[in-house]
PDB file of N, CA and C in Angstrom:
ATOM      1  N   HIS A   1     104.708  88.666  72.561  1.00  0.00           N
ATOM      2  CA  HIS A   1     106.038  89.149  72.836  1.00  0.00           C
ATOM      3  C   HIS A   1     106.426  88.778  74.255  1.00  0.00           C
ATOM      4  N   PRO A   2     107.591  88.182  74.442  1.00  0.00           N
ATOM      5  CA  PRO A   2     108.039  87.864  75.797  1.00  0.00           C
ATOM      6  C   PRO A   2     108.317  89.140  76.584  1.00  0.00           C
ATOM      7  N   VAL A   3     107.985  89.103  77.839  1.00  0.00           N
ATOM      8  CA  VAL A   3     108.227  90.243  78.717  1.00  0.00           C
ATOM      9  C   VAL A   3     109.450  89.919  79.568  1.00  0.00           C
ATOM     10  N   PRO A   4     110.447  90.796  79.558  1.00  0.00           N
ATOM     11  CA  PRO A   4     111.639  90.514  80.355  1.00  0.00           C
ATOM     12  C   PRO A   4     111.312  90.576  81.851  1.00  0.00           C
ATOM     13  N   PRO A   5     112.025  89.796  82.643  1.00  0.00           N
ATOM     14  CA  PRO A   5     111.766  89.828  84.081  1.00  0.00           C
ATOM     15  C   PRO A   5     112.094  91.201  84.667  1.00  0.00           C
ATOM     16  N   VAL A   6     111.372  91.570  85.698  1.00  0.00           N
ATOM     17  CA  VAL A   6     111.624  92.832  86.394  1.00  0.00           C
ATOM     18  C   VAL A   6     111.934  92.528  87.856  1.00  0.00           C
ATOM     19  N   SER A   7     112.574  93.469  88.504  1.00  0.00           N
ATOM     20  CA  SER A   7     112.926  93.281  89.908  1.00  0.00           C
ATOM     21  C   SER A   7     111.681  93.424  90.786  1.00  0.00           C
ATOM     22  N   ASP A   8     111.821  92.953  92.025  1.00  0.00           N
ATOM     23  CA  ASP A   8     110.735  93.144  92.993  1.00  0.00           C
ATOM     24  C   ASP A   8     110.405  94.623  93.135  1.00  0.00           C
ATOM     25  N   ALA A   9     111.445  95.458  93.168  1.00  0.00           N
ATOM     26  CA  ALA A   9     111.246  96.898  93.326  1.00  0.00           C
ATOM     27  C   ALA A   9     110.434  97.480  92.167  1.00  0.00           C
ATOM     28  N   GLU A  10     110.803  97.110  90.950  1.00  0.00           N
ATOM     29  CA  GLU A  10     110.084  97.630  89.776  1.00  0.00           C
ATOM     30  C   GLU A  10     108.629  97.167  89.764  1.00  0.00           C
ATOM     31  N   MET A  11     108.405  95.902  90.088  1.00  0.00           N
ATOM     32  CA  MET A  11     107.043  95.380  90.087  1.00  0.00           C
ATOM     33  C   MET A  11     106.220  96.031  91.188  1.00  0.00           C
ATOM     34  N   LEU A  12     106.785  96.135  92.380  1.00  0.00           N
ATOM     35  CA  LEU A  12     106.046  96.739  93.485  1.00  0.00           C
ATOM     36  C   LEU A  12     105.743  98.205  93.200  1.00  0.00           C
ATOM     37  N   ARG A  13     106.697  98.926  92.646  1.00  0.00           N
ATOM     38  CA  ARG A  13     106.486 100.334  92.300  1.00  0.00           C
ATOM     39  C   ARG A  13     105.353 100.460  91.278  1.00  0.00           C
ATOM     40  N   PHE A  14     105.354  99.597  90.266  1.00  0.00           N
ATOM     41  CA  PHE A  14     104.286  99.615  89.268  1.00  0.00           C
ATOM     42  C   PHE A  14     102.929  99.366  89.927  1.00  0.00           C
ATOM     43  N   LEU A  15     102.857  98.356  90.782  1.00  0.00           N
ATOM     44  CA  LEU A  15     101.580  98.021  91.412  1.00  0.00           C
ATOM     45  C   LEU A  15     101.089  99.137  92.322  1.00  0.00           C
ATOM     46  N   ILE A  16     101.993  99.745  93.071  1.00  0.00           N
ATOM     47  CA  ILE A  16     101.601 100.817  93.987  1.00  0.00           C
ATOM     48  C   ILE A  16     101.159 102.064  93.223  1.00  0.00           C
ATOM     49  N   VAL A  17     101.968 102.482  92.280  1.00  0.00           N
ATOM     50  CA  VAL A  17     101.728 103.763  91.598  1.00  0.00           C
ATOM     51  C   VAL A  17     100.757 103.638  90.427  1.00  0.00           C
ATOM     52  N   ASP A  18     101.023 102.713  89.530  1.00  0.00           N
ATOM     53  CA  ASP A  18     100.246 102.644  88.292  1.00  0.00           C
ATOM     54  C   ASP A  18      98.984 101.805  88.402  1.00  0.00           C
ATOM     55  N   ALA A  19      99.078 100.673  89.058  1.00  0.00           N
ATOM     56  CA  ALA A  19      97.932  99.765  89.077  1.00  0.00           C
ATOM     57  C   ALA A  19      96.883 100.162  90.108  1.00  0.00           C
ATOM     58  N   LYS A  20      97.327 100.591  91.284  1.00  0.00           N
ATOM     59  CA  LYS A  20      96.353 100.839  92.348  1.00  0.00           C
ATOM     60  C   LYS A  20      96.348 102.281  92.836  1.00  0.00           C
ATOM     61  N   ASP A  21      97.386 103.050  92.538  1.00  0.00           N
ATOM     62  CA  ASP A  21      97.493 104.450  92.934  1.00  0.00           C
ATOM     63  C   ASP A  21      97.269 104.626  94.437  1.00  0.00           C
ATOM     64  N   VAL A  22      98.091 103.936  95.219  1.00  0.00           N
ATOM     65  CA  VAL A  22      98.044 104.039  96.677  1.00  0.00           C
ATOM     66  C   VAL A  22      99.426 104.456  97.179  1.00  0.00           C
ATOM     67  N   SER A  23      99.505 104.857  98.435  1.00  0.00           N
ATOM     68  CA  SER A  23     100.786 105.237  99.022  1.00  0.00           C
ATOM     69  C   SER A  23     101.449 104.030  99.671  1.00  0.00           C
ATOM     70  N   GLN A  24     102.737 104.151  99.911  1.00  0.00           N
ATOM     71  CA  GLN A  24     103.449 103.098 100.633  1.00  0.00           C
ATOM     72  C   GLN A  24     102.829 102.894 102.009  1.00  0.00           C
ATOM     73  N   ALA A  25     102.470 103.990 102.655  1.00  0.00           N
ATOM     74  CA  ALA A  25     101.864 103.916 103.986  1.00  0.00           C
ATOM     75  C   ALA A  25     100.544 103.162 103.945  1.00  0.00           C
ATOM     76  N   GLN A  26      99.752 103.393 102.911  1.00  0.00           N
ATOM     77  CA  GLN A  26      98.462 102.712 102.785  1.00  0.00           C
ATOM     78  C   GLN A  26      98.672 101.217 102.557  1.00  0.00           C
ATOM     79  N   VAL A  27      99.631 100.860 101.714  1.00  0.00           N
ATOM     80  CA  VAL A  27      99.933  99.442 101.483  1.00  0.00           C
ATOM     81  C   VAL A  27     100.370  98.805 102.796  1.00  0.00           C
ATOM     82  N   ALA A  28     101.227  99.489 103.535  1.00  0.00           N
ATOM     83  CA  ALA A  28     101.713  98.959 104.813  1.00  0.00           C
ATOM     84  C   ALA A  28     100.560  98.739 105.788  1.00  0.00           C
ATOM     85  N   THR A  29      99.704  99.709 105.918  1.00  0.00           N
ATOM     86  CA  THR A  29      98.573  99.611 106.840  1.00  0.00           C
ATOM     87  C   THR A  29      97.631  98.482 106.450  1.00  0.00           C
ATOM     88  N   GLU A  30      97.336  98.378 105.173  1.00  0.00           N
ATOM     89  CA  GLU A  30      96.344  97.410 104.716  1.00  0.00           C
ATOM     90  C   GLU A  30      96.886  95.988 104.583  1.00  0.00           C
ATOM     91  N   THR A  31      98.210  95.831 104.545  1.00  0.00           N
ATOM     92  CA  THR A  31      98.783  94.491 104.419  1.00  0.00           C
ATOM     93  C   THR A  31      99.452  93.995 105.692  1.00  0.00           C
ATOM     94  N   GLY A  32      99.791  94.918 106.584  1.00  0.00           N
ATOM     95  CA  GLY A  32     100.517  94.536 107.793  1.00  0.00           C
ATOM     96  C   GLY A  32     102.014  94.409 107.569  1.00  0.00           C
ATOM     97  N   ILE A  33     102.482  94.725 106.366  1.00  0.00           N
ATOM     98  CA  ILE A  33     103.915  94.720 106.074  1.00  0.00           C
ATOM     99  C   ILE A  33     104.465  96.077 106.515  1.00  0.00           C
ATOM    100  N   PRO A  34     105.517  96.094 107.336  1.00  0.00           N
ATOM    101  CA  PRO A  34     106.053  97.384 107.789  1.00  0.00           C
ATOM    102  C   PRO A  34     106.414  98.302 106.618  1.00  0.00           C
ATOM    103  N   GLU A  35     106.127  99.589 106.794  1.00  0.00           N
ATOM    104  CA  GLU A  35     106.445 100.553 105.746  1.00  0.00           C
ATOM    105  C   GLU A  35     107.948 100.567 105.465  1.00  0.00           C
ATOM    106  N   SER A  36     108.759 100.327 106.491  1.00  0.00           N
ATOM    107  CA  SER A  36     110.211 100.286 106.291  1.00  0.00           C
ATOM    108  C   SER A  36     110.601  99.158 105.344  1.00  0.00           C
ATOM    109  N   THR A  37     109.920  98.030 105.428  1.00  0.00           N
ATOM    110  CA  THR A  37     110.191  96.907 104.526  1.00  0.00           C
ATOM    111  C   THR A  37     109.844  97.283 103.092  1.00  0.00           C
ATOM    112  N   ILE A  38     108.683  97.902 102.916  1.00  0.00           N
ATOM    113  CA  ILE A  38     108.261  98.324 101.577  1.00  0.00           C
ATOM    114  C   ILE A  38     109.259  99.326 101.009  1.00  0.00           C
ATOM    115  N   SER A  39     109.681 100.274 101.825  1.00  0.00           N
ATOM    116  CA  SER A  39     110.644 101.280 101.391  1.00  0.00           C
ATOM    117  C   SER A  39     111.978 100.643 100.999  1.00  0.00           C
ATOM    118  N   GLU A  40     112.444  99.673 101.795  1.00  0.00           N
ATOM    119  CA  GLU A  40     113.710  99.000 101.487  1.00  0.00           C
ATOM    120  C   GLU A  40     113.617  98.183 100.197  1.00  0.00           C
ATOM    121  N   VAL A  41     112.473  97.573  99.953  1.00  0.00           N
ATOM    122  CA  VAL A  41     112.288  96.832  98.706  1.00  0.00           C
ATOM    123  C   VAL A  41     112.318  97.809  97.530  1.00  0.00           C
ATOM    124  N   LEU A  42     111.604  98.914  97.658  1.00  0.00           N
ATOM    125  CA  LEU A  42     111.546  99.893  96.569  1.00  0.00           C
ATOM    126  C   LEU A  42     112.910 100.518  96.276  1.00  0.00           C
ATOM    127  N   SER A  43     113.755 100.630  97.297  1.00  0.00           N
ATOM    128  CA  SER A  43     115.086 101.210  97.082  1.00  0.00           C
ATOM    129  C   SER A  43     116.120 100.168  96.675  1.00  0.00           C
ATOM    130  N   GLY A  44     115.706  98.902  96.584  1.00  0.00           N
ATOM    131  CA  GLY A  44     116.610  97.844  96.162  1.00  0.00           C
ATOM    132  C   GLY A  44     117.494  97.301  97.267  1.00  0.00           C
ATOM    133  N   LYS A  45     117.250  97.704  98.507  1.00  0.00           N
ATOM    134  CA  LYS A  45     118.069  97.248  99.635  1.00  0.00           C
ATOM    135  C   LYS A  45     117.610  95.903 100.181  1.00  0.00           C
ATOM    136  N   ARG A  46     116.448  95.469  99.766  1.00  0.00           N
ATOM    137  CA  ARG A  46     115.868  94.248 100.328  1.00  0.00           C
ATOM    138  C   ARG A  46     115.041  93.550  99.264  1.00  0.00           C
ATOM    139  N   ARG A  47     114.940  92.238  99.381  1.00  0.00           N
ATOM    140  CA  ARG A  47     114.070  91.449  98.505  1.00  0.00           C
ATOM    141  C   ARG A  47     112.820  91.097  99.287  1.00  0.00           C
ATOM    142  N   LEU A  48     111.768  90.793  98.579  1.00  0.00           N
ATOM    143  CA  LEU A  48     110.532  90.369  99.231  1.00  0.00           C
ATOM    144  C   LEU A  48     110.652  88.926  99.708  1.00  0.00           C
ATOM    145  N   SER A  49     110.138  88.659 100.891  1.00  0.00           N
ATOM    146  CA  SER A  49     110.081  87.281 101.381  1.00  0.00           C
ATOM    147  C   SER A  49     108.910  86.577 100.704  1.00  0.00           C
ATOM    148  N   ARG A  50     108.912  85.271 100.748  1.00  0.00           N
ATOM    149  CA  ARG A  50     107.787  84.514 100.174  1.00  0.00           C
ATOM    150  C   ARG A  50     106.478  84.907 100.856  1.00  0.00           C
ATOM    151  N   ARG A  51     106.529  85.104 102.164  1.00  0.00           N
ATOM    152  CA  ARG A  51     105.335  85.507 102.911  1.00  0.00           C
ATOM    153  C   ARG A  51     104.797  86.845 102.391  1.00  0.00           C
ATOM    154  N   ASN A  52     105.706  87.815 102.237  1.00  0.00           N
ATOM    155  CA  ASN A  52     105.279  89.130 101.756  1.00  0.00           C
ATOM    156  C   ASN A  52     104.791  89.073 100.310  1.00  0.00           C
ATOM    157  N   ILE A  53     105.387  88.217  99.509  1.00  0.00           N
ATOM    158  CA  ILE A  53     104.903  88.037  98.134  1.00  0.00           C
ATOM    159  C   ILE A  53     103.461  87.544  98.160  1.00  0.00           C
ATOM    160  N   GLY A  54     103.179  86.584  99.025  1.00  0.00           N
ATOM    161  CA  GLY A  54     101.812  86.078  99.143  1.00  0.00           C
ATOM    162  C   GLY A  54     100.832  87.164  99.566  1.00  0.00           C
ATOM    163  N   ILE A  55     101.226  87.943 100.555  1.00  0.00           N
ATOM    164  CA  ILE A  55     100.367  89.026 101.048  1.00  0.00           C
ATOM    165  C   ILE A  55     100.128  90.060  99.951  1.00  0.00           C
ATOM    166  N   LEU A  56     101.201  90.481  99.288  1.00  0.00           N
ATOM    167  CA  LEU A  56     101.079  91.511  98.252  1.00  0.00           C
ATOM    168  C   LEU A  56     100.314  91.015  97.031  1.00  0.00           C
ATOM    169  N   SER A  57     100.494  89.756  96.676  1.00  0.00           N
ATOM    170  CA  SER A  57      99.759  89.242  95.514  1.00  0.00           C
ATOM    171  C   SER A  57      98.259  89.216  95.797  1.00  0.00           C
ATOM    172  N   ARG A  58      97.877  88.894  97.015  1.00  0.00           N
ATOM    173  CA  ARG A  58      96.446  88.943  97.373  1.00  0.00           C
ATOM    174  C   ARG A  58      95.947  90.388  97.415  1.00  0.00           C
ATOM    175  N   TYR A  59      96.741  91.273  97.975  1.00  0.00           N
ATOM    176  CA  TYR A  59      96.345  92.684  98.086  1.00  0.00           C
ATOM    177  C   TYR A  59      96.149  93.317  96.706  1.00  0.00           C
ATOM    178  N   PHE A  60      97.079  93.056  95.794  1.00  0.00           N
ATOM    179  CA  PHE A  60      97.000  93.660  94.460  1.00  0.00           C
ATOM    180  C   PHE A  60      96.238  92.795  93.457  1.00  0.00           C
ATOM    181  N   HIS A  61      95.757  91.625  93.887  1.00  0.00           N
ATOM    182  CA  HIS A  61      95.004  90.715  93.019  1.00  0.00           C
ATOM    183  C   HIS A  61      95.810  90.322  91.781  1.00  0.00           C
ATOM    184  N   VAL A  62      97.065  89.898  92.042  1.00  0.00           N
ATOM    185  CA  VAL A  62      97.931  89.419  90.962  1.00  0.00           C
ATOM    186  C   VAL A  62      98.466  88.043  91.337  1.00  0.00           C
ATOM    187  N   ASN A  63      98.930  87.318  90.350  1.00  0.00           N
ATOM    188  CA  ASN A  63      99.549  86.023  90.577  1.00  0.00           C
ATOM    189  C   ASN A  63     100.887  86.223  91.279  1.00  0.00           C
ATOM    190  N   PRO A  64     101.205  85.426  92.291  1.00  0.00           N
ATOM    191  CA  PRO A  64     102.492  85.584  92.974  1.00  0.00           C
ATOM    192  C   PRO A  64     103.697  85.509  92.032  1.00  0.00           C
ATOM    193  N   SER A  65     103.533  84.881  90.900  1.00  0.00           N
ATOM    194  CA  SER A  65     104.650  84.730  89.965  1.00  0.00           C
ATOM    195  C   SER A  65     105.090  86.057  89.334  1.00  0.00           C
ATOM    196  N   VAL A  66     104.324  87.145  89.514  1.00  0.00           N
ATOM    197  CA  VAL A  66     104.783  88.431  88.985  1.00  0.00           C
ATOM    198  C   VAL A  66     106.001  88.929  89.760  1.00  0.00           C
ATOM    199  N   PHE A  67     106.199  88.390  90.965  1.00  0.00           N
ATOM    200  CA  PHE A  67     107.373  88.713  91.751  1.00  0.00           C
ATOM    201  C   PHE A  67     108.412  87.623  91.537  1.00  0.00           C
ATOM    202  N   SER A  68     109.672  87.962  91.717  1.00  0.00           N
ATOM    203  CA  SER A  68     110.735  86.971  91.549  1.00  0.00           C
ATOM    204  C   SER A  68     110.851  86.133  92.812  1.00  0.00           C
ATOM    205  N   PHE A  69     111.275  84.888  92.644  1.00  0.00           N
ATOM    206  CA  PHE A  69     111.409  83.974  93.771  1.00  0.00           C
ATOM    207  C   PHE A  69     112.860  83.568  93.963  1.00  0.00           C
ATOM    208  N   ASP A  70     113.802  84.450  93.679  1.00  0.00           N
ATOM    209  CA  ASP A  70     115.228  84.123  93.822  1.00  0.00           C
ATOM    210  C   ASP A  70     115.608  83.980  95.264  1.00  0.00           C
TER     211      ASP A  70
END
């Protein structure tokens, strides 16, 4: 079954809460991405940069393609 695309916010929320069960603060500390950036992505105010996609894909052990590259 094809899976419809999801937003950066939806994917990041899934990875933080469901896949790894960590806090935004913990992700920020362990990745070096400011917590404000993570919060803005989760609220839909910001998109992830290619750099942050690379960092997050390594942190969560997922393929970078799970995030959108628009």
